[in-house]
N, C-alpha and C. Protein backbone atom coordinates (compact mmCIF):
# COMPACT_ATOMS: atom_id res chain seq x y z
N UNK A 1 -28.05 27.23 5.41
CA UNK A 1 -26.80 27.23 5.32
C UNK A 1 -26.21 26.03 5.55
N UNK A 2 -25.25 25.65 4.13
CA UNK A 2 -24.56 24.63 4.05
C UNK A 2 -23.56 24.38 5.08
N UNK A 3 -23.33 22.98 5.94
CA UNK A 3 -22.50 22.78 6.83
C UNK A 3 -21.21 22.32 6.39
N UNK A 4 -20.28 22.53 6.87
CA UNK A 4 -18.66 22.10 6.39
C UNK A 4 -17.86 21.55 7.56
N UNK A 5 -17.61 20.29 7.39
CA UNK A 5 -16.72 19.73 8.55
C UNK A 5 -15.39 19.80 8.17
N UNK A 6 -14.53 20.22 8.75
CA UNK A 6 -12.89 20.31 8.54
C UNK A 6 -12.20 19.37 9.40
N UNK A 7 -11.49 18.29 9.21
CA UNK A 7 -10.86 17.55 9.95
C UNK A 7 -9.44 18.25 9.84
N UNK A 8 -8.84 18.62 10.94
CA UNK A 8 -7.69 19.14 10.93
C UNK A 8 -7.26 20.51 11.82
N UNK A 9 -6.38 20.63 12.44
CA UNK A 9 -6.01 22.11 13.17
C UNK A 9 -4.74 22.94 12.45
N UNK A 10 -4.44 22.54 11.36
CA UNK A 10 -3.16 23.15 11.10
C UNK A 10 -3.34 24.05 10.19
N UNK A 11 -2.33 24.89 9.44
CA UNK A 11 -2.81 25.65 8.35
C UNK A 11 -3.72 25.75 6.96
N UNK A 12 -3.82 24.41 6.78
CA UNK A 12 -4.60 23.85 5.62
C UNK A 12 -5.89 24.09 5.99
N UNK A 13 -6.18 23.60 7.45
CA UNK A 13 -7.49 23.40 7.66
C UNK A 13 -7.93 24.79 8.02
N UNK A 14 -7.11 25.62 8.22
CA UNK A 14 -7.78 26.82 8.82
C UNK A 14 -7.78 27.64 7.47
N UNK A 15 -7.12 27.90 6.97
CA UNK A 15 -7.45 28.39 5.52
C UNK A 15 -8.89 27.83 4.60
N UNK A 16 -9.13 26.97 5.06
CA UNK A 16 -10.16 26.23 3.87
C UNK A 16 -11.37 26.62 4.63
N UNK A 17 -11.37 26.56 5.91
CA UNK A 17 -12.26 26.82 7.02
C UNK A 17 -12.60 28.23 6.81
N UNK A 18 -11.30 29.15 6.79
CA UNK A 18 -11.89 30.76 6.63
C UNK A 18 -12.59 30.70 5.07
N UNK A 19 -12.12 30.18 4.54
CA UNK A 19 -12.68 30.07 2.74
C UNK A 19 -14.24 29.92 2.57
N UNK A 20 -14.70 28.91 3.53
CA UNK A 20 -15.81 28.61 3.22
C UNK A 20 -16.79 29.33 4.27
N UNK A 21 -16.29 29.94 5.48
CA UNK A 21 -16.74 31.05 6.28
C UNK A 21 -16.94 32.30 5.52
N UNK A 22 -16.21 32.48 4.58
CA UNK A 22 -15.96 33.83 3.75
C UNK A 22 -17.09 33.69 2.81
N UNK A 23 -17.76 32.68 2.40
CA UNK A 23 -18.43 32.14 0.91
C UNK A 23 -19.85 31.97 1.93
N UNK A 24 -19.98 32.15 2.96
CA UNK A 24 -21.43 31.58 3.73
C UNK A 24 -21.49 30.85 4.19
N UNK A 25 -20.90 29.70 4.58
CA UNK A 25 -21.22 28.18 4.80
C UNK A 25 -20.85 28.62 6.53
N UNK A 26 -21.62 27.54 7.23
CA UNK A 26 -21.17 27.23 8.61
C UNK A 26 -20.13 26.05 8.60
N UNK A 27 -18.89 26.44 9.49
CA UNK A 27 -17.97 25.45 9.40
C UNK A 27 -17.75 25.10 10.95
N UNK A 28 -17.50 23.68 10.91
CA UNK A 28 -16.94 23.07 12.42
C UNK A 28 -15.68 22.41 12.02
N UNK A 29 -14.53 22.92 12.63
CA UNK A 29 -13.32 22.44 12.62
C UNK A 29 -12.92 21.07 13.56
N UNK A 30 -12.26 20.19 13.34
CA UNK A 30 -12.25 19.11 14.37
C UNK A 30 -11.02 18.63 14.70
N UNK A 31 -10.45 18.41 15.86
CA UNK A 31 -9.00 18.29 16.37
C UNK A 31 -9.42 16.96 17.54
N UNK A 32 -8.26 16.57 17.52
CA UNK A 32 -8.12 15.66 18.76
C UNK A 32 -8.59 16.02 20.25
N UNK A 33 -8.03 17.50 19.68
CA UNK A 33 -8.21 18.29 21.42
C UNK A 33 -8.77 19.56 20.93
N UNK A 34 -10.09 19.52 20.69
CA UNK A 34 -10.64 20.93 20.42
C UNK A 34 -10.52 22.44 20.83
N UNK A 35 -9.91 22.10 21.97
CA UNK A 35 -9.73 22.99 22.90
C UNK A 35 -8.46 23.92 22.17
N UNK A 36 -7.60 23.38 21.33
CA UNK A 36 -6.49 23.68 20.64
C UNK A 36 -7.21 25.27 19.59
N UNK A 37 -8.33 25.10 19.20
CA UNK A 37 -8.78 25.79 18.31
C UNK A 37 -9.89 26.91 18.78
N UNK A 38 -10.05 27.16 19.94
CA UNK A 38 -10.81 28.21 20.69
C UNK A 38 -10.71 29.28 20.21
N UNK A 39 -9.43 29.71 19.85
CA UNK A 39 -8.76 31.05 19.52
C UNK A 39 -9.48 31.26 18.18
N UNK A 40 -9.26 30.37 17.49
CA UNK A 40 -9.81 30.52 15.96
C UNK A 40 -11.02 30.66 15.82
N UNK A 41 -11.89 30.22 16.73
CA UNK A 41 -13.29 29.71 16.72
C UNK A 41 -14.12 31.29 17.39
N UNK A 42 -13.38 31.97 17.96
CA UNK A 42 -13.44 33.56 18.95
C UNK A 42 -13.54 34.11 17.80
N UNK A 43 -12.35 34.22 16.86
CA UNK A 43 -12.13 35.23 15.70
C UNK A 43 -12.73 34.91 14.51
N UNK A 44 -13.29 33.91 14.51
CA UNK A 44 -13.78 33.40 13.37
C UNK A 44 -15.25 34.06 12.95
N UNK A 45 -15.85 33.69 14.18
CA UNK A 45 -17.16 34.34 14.17
C UNK A 45 -18.24 33.41 14.65
N UNK A 46 -19.50 33.70 14.38
CA UNK A 46 -20.82 33.23 14.96
C UNK A 46 -20.86 31.84 14.23
N UNK A 47 -20.40 31.37 13.03
CA UNK A 47 -21.10 30.43 12.39
C UNK A 47 -19.80 29.32 12.16
N UNK A 48 -18.68 29.45 13.11
CA UNK A 48 -17.47 29.05 13.14
C UNK A 48 -17.86 28.11 14.65
N UNK A 49 -17.73 26.57 14.44
CA UNK A 49 -17.61 25.93 15.70
C UNK A 49 -16.21 24.77 15.64
N UNK A 50 -16.35 24.42 16.83
CA UNK A 50 -15.39 23.27 16.95
C UNK A 50 -15.77 21.99 17.80
N UNK A 51 -14.87 20.96 17.29
CA UNK A 51 -15.55 19.65 18.25
C UNK A 51 -14.36 18.34 17.74
N UNK A 52 -14.68 17.45 18.11
CA UNK A 52 -13.66 16.28 17.62
C UNK A 52 -14.24 15.58 16.48
N UNK A 53 -13.46 14.84 16.25
CA UNK A 53 -13.77 14.50 14.53
C UNK A 53 -14.75 13.61 14.36
N UNK A 54 -15.28 12.63 15.59
CA UNK A 54 -16.55 12.39 15.18
C UNK A 54 -17.50 13.16 15.18
N UNK A 55 -17.34 14.25 16.22
CA UNK A 55 -18.39 15.51 16.11
C UNK A 55 -18.72 16.18 15.00
N UNK A 56 -17.51 16.35 14.42
CA UNK A 56 -16.95 17.25 12.73
C UNK A 56 -18.12 16.37 11.56
N UNK A 57 -17.46 14.96 12.09
CA UNK A 57 -18.03 14.06 10.61
C UNK A 57 -19.60 14.21 10.84
N UNK A 58 -20.19 14.30 12.03
CA UNK A 58 -21.56 14.31 12.17
C UNK A 58 -22.09 15.62 12.09
N UNK A 59 -21.44 16.48 12.04
CA UNK A 59 -22.42 17.83 11.98
C UNK A 59 -22.01 18.17 10.06
N UNK A 60 -21.02 17.94 9.59
CA UNK A 60 -20.40 18.69 8.25
C UNK A 60 -21.40 17.75 7.25
N UNK A 61 -22.09 18.68 6.03
CA UNK A 61 -22.79 17.78 4.92
C UNK A 61 -21.77 17.35 4.05
N UNK A 62 -20.35 18.48 3.77
CA UNK A 62 -19.39 18.15 3.13
C UNK A 62 -18.29 18.07 4.28
N UNK A 63 -17.18 17.11 3.82
CA UNK A 63 -15.98 17.15 4.93
C UNK A 63 -14.41 17.34 4.10
N UNK A 64 -13.93 18.16 4.92
CA UNK A 64 -12.46 18.36 4.10
C UNK A 64 -11.41 17.69 5.14
N UNK A 65 -10.54 16.58 4.64
CA UNK A 65 -9.67 16.04 5.31
C UNK A 65 -8.05 16.68 4.95
N UNK A 66 -7.75 17.36 6.26
CA UNK A 66 -6.80 18.45 6.07
C UNK A 66 -5.97 18.08 7.25
N UNK A 67 -5.46 17.06 7.11
CA UNK A 67 -4.32 16.25 8.07
C UNK A 67 -3.24 16.02 7.25
N UNK A 68 -2.09 15.59 8.32
CA UNK A 68 -1.14 15.09 7.72
C UNK A 68 -1.09 13.52 7.18
N UNK A 69 -0.90 13.42 6.15
CA UNK A 69 -0.84 12.22 5.29
C UNK A 69 -1.09 10.82 6.20
N UNK A 70 0.02 10.91 6.63
CA UNK A 70 0.51 9.66 7.53
C UNK A 70 -0.81 9.59 9.05
N UNK A 71 -1.79 10.32 9.02
CA UNK A 71 -2.55 10.27 10.05
C UNK A 71 -3.80 10.22 9.34
N UNK A 72 -4.06 10.37 8.21
CA UNK A 72 -5.28 10.55 7.67
C UNK A 72 -6.46 9.14 7.70
N UNK A 73 -6.07 8.12 7.44
CA UNK A 73 -6.45 6.50 8.04
C UNK A 73 -7.14 6.74 9.63
N UNK A 74 -6.09 7.06 10.42
CA UNK A 74 -6.37 6.96 11.81
C UNK A 74 -7.69 8.22 11.97
N UNK A 75 -7.43 9.16 11.65
CA UNK A 75 -8.44 10.75 11.94
C UNK A 75 -9.86 9.82 11.49
N UNK A 76 -9.76 9.39 9.96
CA UNK A 76 -11.15 9.04 9.54
C UNK A 76 -11.73 8.09 10.52
N UNK A 77 -11.03 6.85 11.12
CA UNK A 77 -11.40 6.16 11.93
C UNK A 77 -11.85 6.37 13.04
N UNK A 78 -11.40 7.64 13.62
CA UNK A 78 -11.85 8.11 15.00
C UNK A 78 -13.35 9.21 14.49
N UNK A 79 -13.25 9.73 13.17
CA UNK A 79 -14.70 10.07 12.96
C UNK A 79 -15.39 9.23 12.53
N UNK A 80 -15.29 7.98 12.02
CA UNK A 80 -16.76 7.02 12.33
C UNK A 80 -16.98 6.72 10.82
N UNK A 81 -16.80 5.35 10.52
CA UNK A 81 -17.13 5.34 9.09
C UNK A 81 -18.62 5.35 8.73
N UNK A 82 -19.82 5.16 9.55
CA UNK A 82 -20.94 5.12 9.62
C UNK A 82 -21.52 6.90 9.07
N UNK A 83 -20.56 7.86 9.93
CA UNK A 83 -20.81 9.41 9.75
C UNK A 83 -20.41 9.93 8.66
N UNK A 84 -19.27 8.97 7.91
CA UNK A 84 -18.67 9.56 6.76
C UNK A 84 -19.18 9.18 5.54
N UNK A 85 -19.81 8.03 5.36
CA UNK A 85 -20.61 7.11 4.54
C UNK A 85 -21.42 8.27 3.47
N UNK A 86 -21.46 7.99 2.19
CA UNK A 86 -22.11 8.80 1.54
C UNK A 86 -21.63 10.25 1.56
N UNK A 87 -20.75 10.81 2.41
CA UNK A 87 -20.60 12.09 2.12
C UNK A 87 -19.28 12.14 1.01
N UNK A 88 -19.16 13.41 0.83
CA UNK A 88 -18.53 14.13 -0.03
C UNK A 88 -17.23 14.61 0.53
N UNK A 89 -16.05 14.13 0.39
CA UNK A 89 -14.96 14.54 1.41
C UNK A 89 -13.52 14.74 0.42
N UNK A 90 -13.55 16.44 0.64
CA UNK A 90 -12.40 16.61 0.14
C UNK A 90 -11.03 16.16 0.65
N UNK A 91 -10.30 15.76 -0.13
CA UNK A 91 -8.93 15.47 0.50
C UNK A 91 -7.56 15.84 -0.07
N UNK A 92 -7.53 16.84 0.77
CA UNK A 92 -5.78 17.67 0.72
C UNK A 92 -4.79 16.69 0.92
N UNK A 93 -4.70 15.76 0.99
CA UNK A 93 -3.65 15.34 2.04
C UNK A 93 -2.55 14.97 0.51
N UNK A 94 -1.18 14.68 1.41
CA UNK A 94 -0.19 13.99 0.78
C UNK A 94 0.94 13.03 1.15
N UNK A 95 0.99 12.14 0.57
CA UNK A 95 1.98 11.04 1.17
C UNK A 95 3.03 11.53 1.74
N UNK A 96 3.60 12.42 2.08
CA UNK A 96 5.32 12.89 2.20
C UNK A 96 5.31 12.07 3.39
N UNK A 97 6.85 12.11 3.33
CA UNK A 97 7.60 11.24 4.08
C UNK A 97 8.17 11.89 5.10
N UNK A 98 8.58 11.24 6.24
CA UNK A 98 9.34 12.14 7.51
C UNK A 98 10.67 12.50 6.95
N UNK A 99 10.97 13.64 7.70
CA UNK A 99 12.44 14.37 7.26
C UNK A 99 11.91 15.33 5.92
N UNK A 100 13.06 16.36 6.07
CA UNK A 100 13.40 17.56 5.00
C UNK A 100 13.50 17.19 3.83
N UNK A 101 13.31 18.05 2.78
CA UNK A 101 13.78 17.83 1.50
C UNK A 101 15.52 17.17 1.39
N UNK A 102 15.39 16.73 -0.21
CA UNK A 102 16.73 16.43 -0.13
C UNK A 102 16.87 17.74 -1.53
N UNK A 103 17.66 18.10 -1.22
CA UNK A 103 18.43 19.21 -2.41
C UNK A 103 16.86 20.01 -2.78
N UNK A 104 15.82 20.32 -1.89
CA UNK A 104 14.68 20.81 -2.22
C UNK A 104 13.80 19.91 -2.64
N UNK A 105 13.76 18.51 -2.82
CA UNK A 105 12.54 17.55 -3.11
C UNK A 105 12.65 16.63 -2.34
N UNK A 106 11.48 16.89 -2.09
CA UNK A 106 10.47 16.26 -1.03
C UNK A 106 10.54 14.64 -1.17
N UNK A 107 10.72 13.80 -0.19
CA UNK A 107 10.33 12.01 -0.31
C UNK A 107 8.61 11.92 -0.12
N UNK A 108 8.41 10.86 -0.41
CA UNK A 108 6.93 10.25 -0.40
C UNK A 108 7.11 9.08 0.02
N UNK A 109 5.79 8.66 0.70
CA UNK A 109 5.80 6.96 1.04
C UNK A 109 5.24 5.97 -0.02
N UNK A 110 4.90 6.27 -1.15
CA UNK A 110 3.97 5.92 -2.21
C UNK A 110 5.19 5.84 -3.25
N UNK A 111 4.65 5.06 -4.56
CA UNK A 111 5.41 4.99 -5.78
C UNK A 111 4.58 5.43 -6.95
N UNK A 112 4.97 5.27 -8.01
CA UNK A 112 4.55 5.67 -9.22
C UNK A 112 3.29 5.16 -9.80
N UNK A 113 2.77 3.71 -9.09
CA UNK A 113 2.27 2.86 -9.16
C UNK A 113 0.92 3.02 -8.19
N UNK A 114 1.05 3.79 -7.47
CA UNK A 114 0.34 3.65 -6.22
C UNK A 114 -0.28 5.50 -5.60
N UNK A 115 -0.96 5.42 -4.86
CA UNK A 115 -1.14 6.76 -3.98
C UNK A 115 -1.78 6.79 -2.64
N UNK A 116 -1.72 7.86 -1.88
CA UNK A 116 -2.43 7.79 -0.52
C UNK A 116 -3.83 7.75 -0.82
N UNK A 117 -4.40 8.50 -1.69
CA UNK A 117 -6.08 8.61 -1.75
C UNK A 117 -6.87 7.11 -2.41
N UNK A 118 -6.12 6.50 -3.02
CA UNK A 118 -6.41 5.15 -3.35
C UNK A 118 -6.39 3.90 -2.03
N UNK A 119 -5.29 4.32 -1.14
CA UNK A 119 -5.21 3.83 0.05
C UNK A 119 -6.54 4.43 0.69
N UNK A 120 -7.02 5.41 0.91
CA UNK A 120 -8.21 6.19 1.85
C UNK A 120 -9.57 5.72 1.31
N UNK A 121 -9.36 5.47 -0.26
CA UNK A 121 -10.66 5.08 -0.82
C UNK A 121 -11.29 4.03 -0.35
N UNK A 122 -9.76 3.16 -0.32
CA UNK A 122 -10.10 1.16 -0.52
C UNK A 122 -10.66 0.76 0.94
N UNK A 123 -10.07 1.97 1.90
CA UNK A 123 -10.17 2.01 3.44
C UNK A 123 -11.55 2.00 3.86
N UNK A 124 -12.13 3.07 2.85
CA UNK A 124 -13.62 3.52 3.33
C UNK A 124 -14.35 3.79 2.14
N UNK A 125 -14.57 2.72 1.57
CA UNK A 125 -15.08 2.75 0.15
C UNK A 125 -16.66 3.64 0.19
N UNK A 126 -17.44 3.47 1.23
CA UNK A 126 -18.75 4.12 1.68
C UNK A 126 -18.50 5.66 1.22
N UNK A 127 -17.57 6.16 1.61
CA UNK A 127 -17.56 7.61 1.30
C UNK A 127 -16.80 8.04 0.05
N UNK A 128 -17.01 8.99 -0.51
CA UNK A 128 -16.54 9.56 -1.95
C UNK A 128 -15.97 10.44 -1.98
N UNK A 129 -14.29 10.45 -1.86
CA UNK A 129 -13.41 11.17 -1.86
C UNK A 129 -13.11 12.11 -3.00
N UNK A 130 -12.82 13.24 -3.03
CA UNK A 130 -12.05 13.49 -4.40
C UNK A 130 -10.81 14.94 -4.05
N UNK A 131 -10.19 14.38 -4.78
CA UNK A 131 -8.49 14.81 -4.50
C UNK A 131 -8.91 16.21 -4.78
N UNK A 132 -8.17 17.18 -4.02
CA UNK A 132 -8.24 18.56 -4.59
C UNK A 132 -7.18 19.42 -3.31
N UNK A 133 -6.92 20.82 -3.82
CA UNK A 133 -5.99 21.51 -2.95
C UNK A 133 -4.71 20.95 -2.35
N UNK A 134 -4.38 19.90 -2.89
CA UNK A 134 -3.08 18.96 -2.88
C UNK A 134 -1.90 19.76 -3.46
N UNK A 135 -1.96 20.51 -4.43
CA UNK A 135 -0.83 20.88 -5.31
C UNK A 135 -0.62 22.59 -5.09
N UNK A 136 -0.83 22.88 -4.05
CA UNK A 136 -0.88 24.43 -3.74
C UNK A 136 -1.12 24.82 -2.60
N UNK A 137 -0.15 25.78 -2.17
CA UNK A 137 0.28 26.13 -0.34
C UNK A 137 -1.15 26.89 -0.06
N UNK A 138 -1.37 26.96 1.31
CA UNK A 138 -2.41 27.06 2.17
C UNK A 138 -2.68 28.88 1.72
N UNK A 139 -1.76 29.48 1.32
CA UNK A 139 -1.60 30.79 1.38
C UNK A 139 -2.46 31.47 0.28
N UNK A 140 -2.68 30.58 -0.56
CA UNK A 140 -3.46 30.96 -1.72
C UNK A 140 -4.36 30.28 -2.04
N UNK A 141 -4.96 29.42 -1.44
CA UNK A 141 -5.99 28.52 -1.37
C UNK A 141 -7.42 28.76 -1.75
N UNK A 142 -7.31 30.25 -1.33
CA UNK A 142 -9.03 30.71 -1.10
C UNK A 142 -8.68 32.22 -2.15
N UNK A 143 -9.23 32.08 -2.99
CA UNK A 143 -9.41 33.37 -4.08
C UNK A 143 -8.25 34.40 -4.42
N UNK A 144 -7.30 33.26 -4.85
CA UNK A 144 -5.79 33.98 -4.80
C UNK A 144 -6.22 35.06 -6.08
N UNK A 145 -5.04 36.06 -6.30
CA UNK A 145 -4.81 36.88 -7.18
C UNK A 145 -3.68 36.57 -8.44
N UNK A 146 -4.27 36.27 -9.60
CA UNK A 146 -3.38 35.72 -10.76
C UNK A 146 -3.37 37.30 -11.39
N UNK A 147 -3.84 38.09 -11.42
CA UNK A 147 -3.73 39.40 -12.64
C UNK A 147 -4.89 38.82 -13.04
N UNK A 148 -5.95 37.90 -12.93
CA UNK A 148 -7.28 37.92 -13.64
C UNK A 148 -7.31 36.40 -14.23
N UNK A 149 -5.90 35.64 -14.39
CA UNK A 149 -5.68 34.40 -14.75
C UNK A 149 -6.34 33.56 -13.44
N UNK A 150 -7.55 32.79 -13.83
CA UNK A 150 -7.72 31.80 -12.84
C UNK A 150 -6.69 30.20 -12.98
N UNK A 151 -6.09 30.19 -11.78
CA UNK A 151 -5.25 28.99 -11.62
C UNK A 151 -6.22 27.67 -11.99
N UNK A 152 -5.08 26.63 -12.13
CA UNK A 152 -5.74 25.16 -12.32
C UNK A 152 -5.70 24.43 -11.19
N UNK A 153 -6.94 23.53 -10.93
CA UNK A 153 -7.05 22.85 -9.75
C UNK A 153 -7.22 21.18 -10.05
N UNK A 154 -6.46 20.46 -10.08
CA UNK A 154 -6.44 19.31 -10.89
C UNK A 154 -7.35 18.18 -9.32
N UNK A 155 -8.66 17.86 -10.14
CA UNK A 155 -8.73 17.02 -9.32
C UNK A 155 -9.12 15.52 -9.50
N UNK A 156 -9.28 14.68 -8.94
CA UNK A 156 -9.88 13.19 -9.06
C UNK A 156 -10.54 12.67 -8.29
N UNK A 157 -11.53 11.58 -8.67
CA UNK A 157 -12.18 10.76 -7.45
C UNK A 157 -13.37 9.92 -8.46
N UNK A 158 -14.03 8.88 -7.74
CA UNK A 158 -14.46 7.92 -8.20
C UNK A 158 -16.30 8.18 -8.46
N UNK A 159 -16.44 9.34 -8.07
CA UNK A 159 -17.98 9.80 -7.81
C UNK A 159 -18.13 11.05 -8.65
N UNK A 160 -18.89 10.93 -9.80
CA UNK A 160 -19.08 11.97 -10.58
C UNK A 160 -19.81 13.06 -9.90
N UNK A 161 -21.14 12.67 -8.99
CA UNK A 161 -21.77 13.63 -8.31
C UNK A 161 -20.69 14.32 -7.60
N UNK A 162 -20.04 13.54 -6.75
CA UNK A 162 -19.16 14.03 -5.76
C UNK A 162 -17.87 15.56 -6.31
N UNK A 163 -17.56 14.96 -7.51
CA UNK A 163 -16.84 15.82 -8.49
C UNK A 163 -17.50 17.07 -8.38
N UNK A 164 -18.62 17.17 -9.16
CA UNK A 164 -19.63 17.84 -9.29
C UNK A 164 -19.62 18.83 -8.27
N UNK A 165 -19.78 18.45 -6.76
CA UNK A 165 -20.06 19.49 -5.68
C UNK A 165 -18.69 20.06 -5.40
N UNK A 166 -17.53 19.48 -5.58
CA UNK A 166 -16.49 19.90 -5.41
C UNK A 166 -15.95 21.00 -6.28
N UNK A 167 -16.15 20.64 -7.12
CA UNK A 167 -16.09 22.03 -8.63
C UNK A 167 -16.78 23.17 -8.13
N UNK A 168 -18.37 23.22 -7.56
CA UNK A 168 -18.94 24.47 -7.32
C UNK A 168 -18.19 25.26 -6.14
N UNK A 169 -17.53 24.38 -5.57
CA UNK A 169 -16.82 25.33 -4.64
C UNK A 169 -15.16 25.49 -4.96
N UNK A 170 -14.81 24.94 -5.68
CA UNK A 170 -13.67 25.52 -6.48
C UNK A 170 -14.14 26.92 -7.40
N UNK A 171 -15.05 26.67 -7.79
CA UNK A 171 -15.39 27.84 -8.19
C UNK A 171 -15.72 28.82 -7.62
N UNK A 172 -16.21 29.07 -6.66
CA UNK A 172 -16.45 29.78 -5.61
C UNK A 172 -14.79 30.48 -4.92
N UNK A 173 -14.18 29.35 -4.56
CA UNK A 173 -12.52 29.66 -4.31
C UNK A 173 -11.62 30.30 -5.29
N UNK A 174 -12.37 30.64 -6.82
CA UNK A 174 -11.26 30.95 -7.60
C UNK A 174 -10.65 30.57 -8.17
N UNK A 175 -10.92 29.18 -8.35
CA UNK A 175 -10.10 28.04 -9.72
C UNK A 175 -10.59 27.72 -10.92
N UNK A 176 -9.99 27.00 -11.80
CA UNK A 176 -10.50 26.63 -12.90
C UNK A 176 -10.24 25.00 -12.23
N UNK A 177 -11.64 24.55 -12.29
CA UNK A 177 -11.19 22.66 -12.11
C UNK A 177 -10.64 22.00 -13.26
N UNK A 178 -9.33 21.00 -13.50
CA UNK A 178 -9.42 20.23 -14.27
C UNK A 178 -9.68 18.86 -13.91
N UNK A 179 -10.34 18.21 -14.26
CA UNK A 179 -10.96 16.88 -13.92
C UNK A 179 -10.07 15.55 -14.59
N UNK A 180 -9.31 15.22 -13.57
CA UNK A 180 -8.05 14.20 -14.14
C UNK A 180 -8.90 12.61 -14.19
N UNK A 181 -10.19 12.55 -13.55
CA UNK A 181 -10.61 11.22 -13.83
C UNK A 181 -10.99 10.42 -12.55
N UNK A 182 -10.80 9.16 -12.21
CA UNK A 182 -10.72 8.26 -11.36
C UNK A 182 -10.04 8.68 -10.31
N UNK A 183 -10.05 7.60 -9.34
CA UNK A 183 -9.01 8.23 -7.93
C UNK A 183 -7.90 7.40 -8.64
N UNK A 184 -7.80 6.80 -9.36
CA UNK A 184 -6.37 6.34 -9.98
C UNK A 184 -5.22 7.34 -10.59
N UNK A 185 -6.07 8.79 -10.76
CA UNK A 185 -5.31 9.74 -11.37
C UNK A 185 -4.55 10.71 -10.06
N UNK A 186 -4.98 9.78 -9.02
CA UNK A 186 -3.69 10.80 -7.75
C UNK A 186 -2.55 10.58 -7.66
N UNK A 187 -2.33 9.22 -8.66
CA UNK A 187 -0.79 9.08 -8.85
C UNK A 187 -0.12 10.35 -9.69
N UNK A 188 -0.71 11.03 -10.28
CA UNK A 188 -0.25 11.81 -10.95
C UNK A 188 -0.52 13.52 -10.21
N UNK A 189 -1.64 13.32 -9.55
CA UNK A 189 -2.04 14.83 -8.87
C UNK A 189 -1.13 14.96 -7.78
N UNK A 190 -0.70 13.82 -6.78
CA UNK A 190 -0.17 14.17 -5.49
C UNK A 190 1.20 14.16 -5.80
N UNK A 191 2.22 14.07 -6.60
CA UNK A 191 3.53 14.31 -6.83
C UNK A 191 3.73 15.86 -7.17
N UNK A 192 2.56 16.48 -7.48
CA UNK A 192 2.57 17.86 -7.96
C UNK A 192 2.92 18.30 -6.52
N UNK A 193 2.86 17.92 -5.65
CA UNK A 193 3.24 18.85 -4.16
C UNK A 193 4.77 18.86 -4.06
N UNK A 194 5.31 17.90 -4.83
CA UNK A 194 6.66 18.13 -4.78
C UNK A 194 7.29 19.00 -5.71
N UNK A 195 6.66 18.93 -6.86
CA UNK A 195 7.33 20.26 -7.75
C UNK A 195 6.75 21.23 -7.54
N UNK A 196 5.55 21.67 -6.80
CA UNK A 196 4.88 23.50 -6.24
C UNK A 196 6.14 23.36 -5.13
N UNK A 197 6.81 22.52 -4.08
CA UNK A 197 7.44 22.97 -3.02
C UNK A 197 8.82 23.34 -3.61
N UNK A 198 9.41 23.09 -4.73
CA UNK A 198 10.69 23.16 -5.20
C UNK A 198 11.01 24.83 -5.03
N UNK A 199 10.18 25.80 -5.99
CA UNK A 199 10.45 26.94 -6.06
C UNK A 199 10.88 27.82 -4.67
N UNK A 200 9.74 26.93 -3.70
CA UNK A 200 9.89 27.60 -2.20
C UNK A 200 10.99 27.12 -1.28
N UNK A 201 11.64 26.20 -1.56
CA UNK A 201 12.72 25.68 -0.81
C UNK A 201 14.23 26.16 -1.68
N UNK A 202 13.97 26.58 -2.86
CA UNK A 202 14.89 27.36 -3.84
C UNK A 202 15.15 28.57 -3.43
N UNK A 203 14.00 29.54 -3.38
CA UNK A 203 13.95 31.02 -4.11
C UNK A 203 12.70 31.21 -2.80
N UNK A 204 12.26 30.67 -1.89
CA UNK A 204 11.32 31.07 -0.61
C UNK A 204 10.36 31.65 -1.49
N UNK A 205 9.87 31.08 -2.57
CA UNK A 205 8.66 31.31 -3.62
C UNK A 205 7.38 30.52 -2.93
N UNK A 206 6.43 30.87 -2.17
CA UNK A 206 5.49 29.88 -2.24
C UNK A 206 4.08 30.75 -2.36
N UNK A 207 3.50 31.44 -3.19
CA UNK A 207 2.25 31.86 -3.68
C UNK A 207 2.29 31.75 -5.19
N UNK A 208 2.81 30.48 -5.59
CA UNK A 208 2.62 30.06 -6.86
C UNK A 208 1.33 29.17 -7.27
N UNK A 209 1.44 29.15 -8.40
CA UNK A 209 -0.16 28.18 -8.44
C UNK A 209 0.07 27.52 -10.30
N UNK A 210 -0.32 26.18 -10.37
CA UNK A 210 -0.35 25.69 -11.70
C UNK A 210 -1.84 26.17 -12.45
N UNK A 211 -1.11 26.14 -13.74
CA UNK A 211 -2.08 26.48 -14.95
C UNK A 211 -1.98 25.62 -15.97
N UNK A 212 -3.15 24.78 -16.28
CA UNK A 212 -3.12 24.23 -17.59
C UNK A 212 -3.66 24.99 -18.89
N UNK A 213 -3.06 24.90 -19.88
CA UNK A 213 -2.83 25.81 -20.85
C UNK A 213 -3.35 25.00 -22.33
N UNK A 214 -4.35 25.41 -23.02
CA UNK A 214 -5.04 24.41 -24.05
C UNK A 214 -5.11 25.61 -25.20
N UNK A 215 -4.41 25.00 -26.07
CA UNK A 215 -4.57 25.52 -27.51
C UNK A 215 -6.11 25.46 -27.87
N UNK A 216 -6.59 26.77 -29.01
CA UNK A 216 -7.81 26.86 -29.50
C UNK A 216 -7.93 26.18 -30.67
N UNK A 217 -8.85 25.72 -30.60
CA UNK A 217 -9.15 24.85 -31.89
C UNK A 217 -9.10 25.58 -33.01
């Protein structure tokens, strides 16, 4: 049974952890304070575990970074550079600034020629980051129902093998993967979070997703 390590005690980490459990994987969720996750572990079943960030990094064959963007580098340092080296890490983070939206538009800490994922990849060059799940809400991350239409998940990353591994799991979770290329493409993917959130702030609509339409030849 493949082991999945999920960094993060929030809603995104919970949704993805439950998704991996649903699809037959063993999951450990990591937190600064693992005791916060005891209730989740009890409800999640025999293949659910909790631990520190370091324990989670050692446990997982595949890792998921599901923490606040501003905490990402610190969390990975706590996990340990040696423990994450060579592993595929799904990066769900976004560079959101503190404070609420301005007229429904969130603010970020990066610019159009930069991205949080690039910062993370540079800080941990031995790990293989793949951006995914950053442009959709946690409520519809796992097997969403859009009437038979598969929504698009935009990914990017520098390692082809890691992207192939993540694509397999995206397919399990009911997504059509759209590979946008190297980590540099996170400059375009991360701002999709801002666009995705606008209908939520404007009309309390939080269950939509993006779809890349392609004309037939």
